[in-house]
């Protein structure tokens, strides 16, 4: 199984909605998102309230959404993506 940290693997992944390239979320993005999650202000695009902090994720090229990585597996479902704008 290829790792999300493999640059060739990462180049193959695209946003399922827009086909934009994805990058690994940096610590600042995750901290900001997790602060909002802790405050109860985050819903995924499917409308579900997000309660658990996000340990890793892939950010869409335009910076609007993050696809969470859970147990080393990227969750590439539009409904599971998380908005990054406050």
Protein backbone atom coordinates (compact mmCIF):
# COMPACT_ATOMS: atom_id res chain seq x y z
CA UNK A 1 0.00 0.00 0.00
CA UNK A 2 1.36 3.41 -0.91
CA UNK A 3 1.76 6.08 1.71
CA UNK A 4 0.11 9.48 1.51
CA UNK A 5 3.60 10.90 2.07
CA UNK A 6 4.78 9.38 -1.23
CA UNK A 7 5.02 12.38 -3.63
CA UNK A 8 4.09 10.26 -6.67
CA UNK A 9 0.99 8.94 -4.92
CA UNK A 10 0.00 12.43 -3.78
CA UNK A 11 0.30 13.71 -7.38
CA UNK A 12 -2.29 11.14 -8.48
CA UNK A 13 -4.90 12.21 -5.94
CA UNK A 14 -7.37 14.86 -7.05
CA UNK A 15 -10.42 16.49 -5.54
CA UNK A 16 -13.39 14.34 -6.60
CA UNK A 17 -15.50 17.45 -7.14
CA UNK A 18 -13.23 19.84 -9.06
CA UNK A 19 -10.22 17.65 -9.98
CA UNK A 20 -7.93 20.20 -8.30
CA UNK A 21 -4.62 19.01 -6.94
CA UNK A 22 -4.38 18.25 -3.21
CA UNK A 23 -1.62 18.95 -0.70
CA UNK A 24 -1.03 17.67 2.80
CA UNK A 25 -2.46 20.06 5.39
CA UNK A 26 0.17 21.85 7.44
CA UNK A 27 0.11 22.20 11.23
CA UNK A 28 -1.40 25.71 11.14
CA UNK A 29 -4.37 24.60 9.01
CA UNK A 30 -5.02 21.61 11.26
CA UNK A 31 -4.76 23.71 14.43
CA UNK A 32 -7.22 26.30 13.12
CA UNK A 33 -9.66 23.60 11.98
CA UNK A 34 -9.38 21.69 15.26
CA UNK A 35 -10.02 24.86 17.27
CA UNK A 36 -13.25 25.34 15.31
CA UNK A 37 -14.15 21.65 15.77
CA UNK A 38 -13.61 21.91 19.55
CA UNK A 39 -15.89 24.94 19.64
CA UNK A 40 -18.61 22.96 17.81
CA UNK A 41 -18.53 25.15 14.70
CA UNK A 42 -17.67 22.59 12.00
CA UNK A 43 -20.04 20.57 9.85
CA UNK A 44 -18.89 18.48 6.93
CA UNK A 45 -20.35 19.19 3.51
CA UNK A 46 -22.92 16.46 4.04
CA UNK A 47 -24.25 18.46 7.02
CA UNK A 48 -22.90 16.20 9.77
CA UNK A 49 -21.46 17.79 12.87
CA UNK A 50 -17.75 17.07 13.26
CA UNK A 51 -16.83 16.14 16.84
CA UNK A 52 -13.41 14.50 16.58
CA UNK A 53 -10.26 16.50 15.86
CA UNK A 54 -8.61 16.02 12.51
CA UNK A 55 -5.10 14.56 12.77
CA UNK A 56 -4.25 14.87 9.06
CA UNK A 57 -5.87 15.91 5.83
CA UNK A 58 -5.54 16.90 2.21
CA UNK A 59 -6.27 20.50 1.25
CA UNK A 60 -7.78 21.35 -2.10
CA UNK A 61 -5.67 23.64 -4.28
CA UNK A 62 -8.05 26.58 -3.79
CA UNK A 63 -7.77 26.15 0.01
CA UNK A 64 -11.54 25.94 0.55
CA UNK A 65 -11.88 22.30 1.69
CA UNK A 66 -9.95 19.60 3.49
CA UNK A 67 -10.43 15.88 2.93
CA UNK A 68 -9.66 14.15 6.23
CA UNK A 69 -7.17 11.31 6.53
CA UNK A 70 -8.39 8.65 8.95
CA UNK A 71 -6.19 5.73 9.97
CA UNK A 72 -3.76 6.62 7.14
CA UNK A 73 -6.57 6.48 4.54
CA UNK A 74 -7.71 9.65 2.73
CA UNK A 75 -11.49 10.01 2.82
CA UNK A 76 -12.15 11.30 -0.68
CA UNK A 77 -15.91 11.81 -0.40
CA UNK A 78 -17.32 15.26 -1.13
CA UNK A 79 -19.85 14.91 1.71
CA UNK A 80 -17.03 14.21 4.20
CA UNK A 81 -14.89 17.21 3.20
CA UNK A 82 -14.50 19.98 5.75
CA UNK A 83 -14.78 23.70 4.97
CA UNK A 84 -11.68 25.67 5.87
CA UNK A 85 -13.24 29.13 5.71
CA UNK A 86 -14.37 30.25 9.14
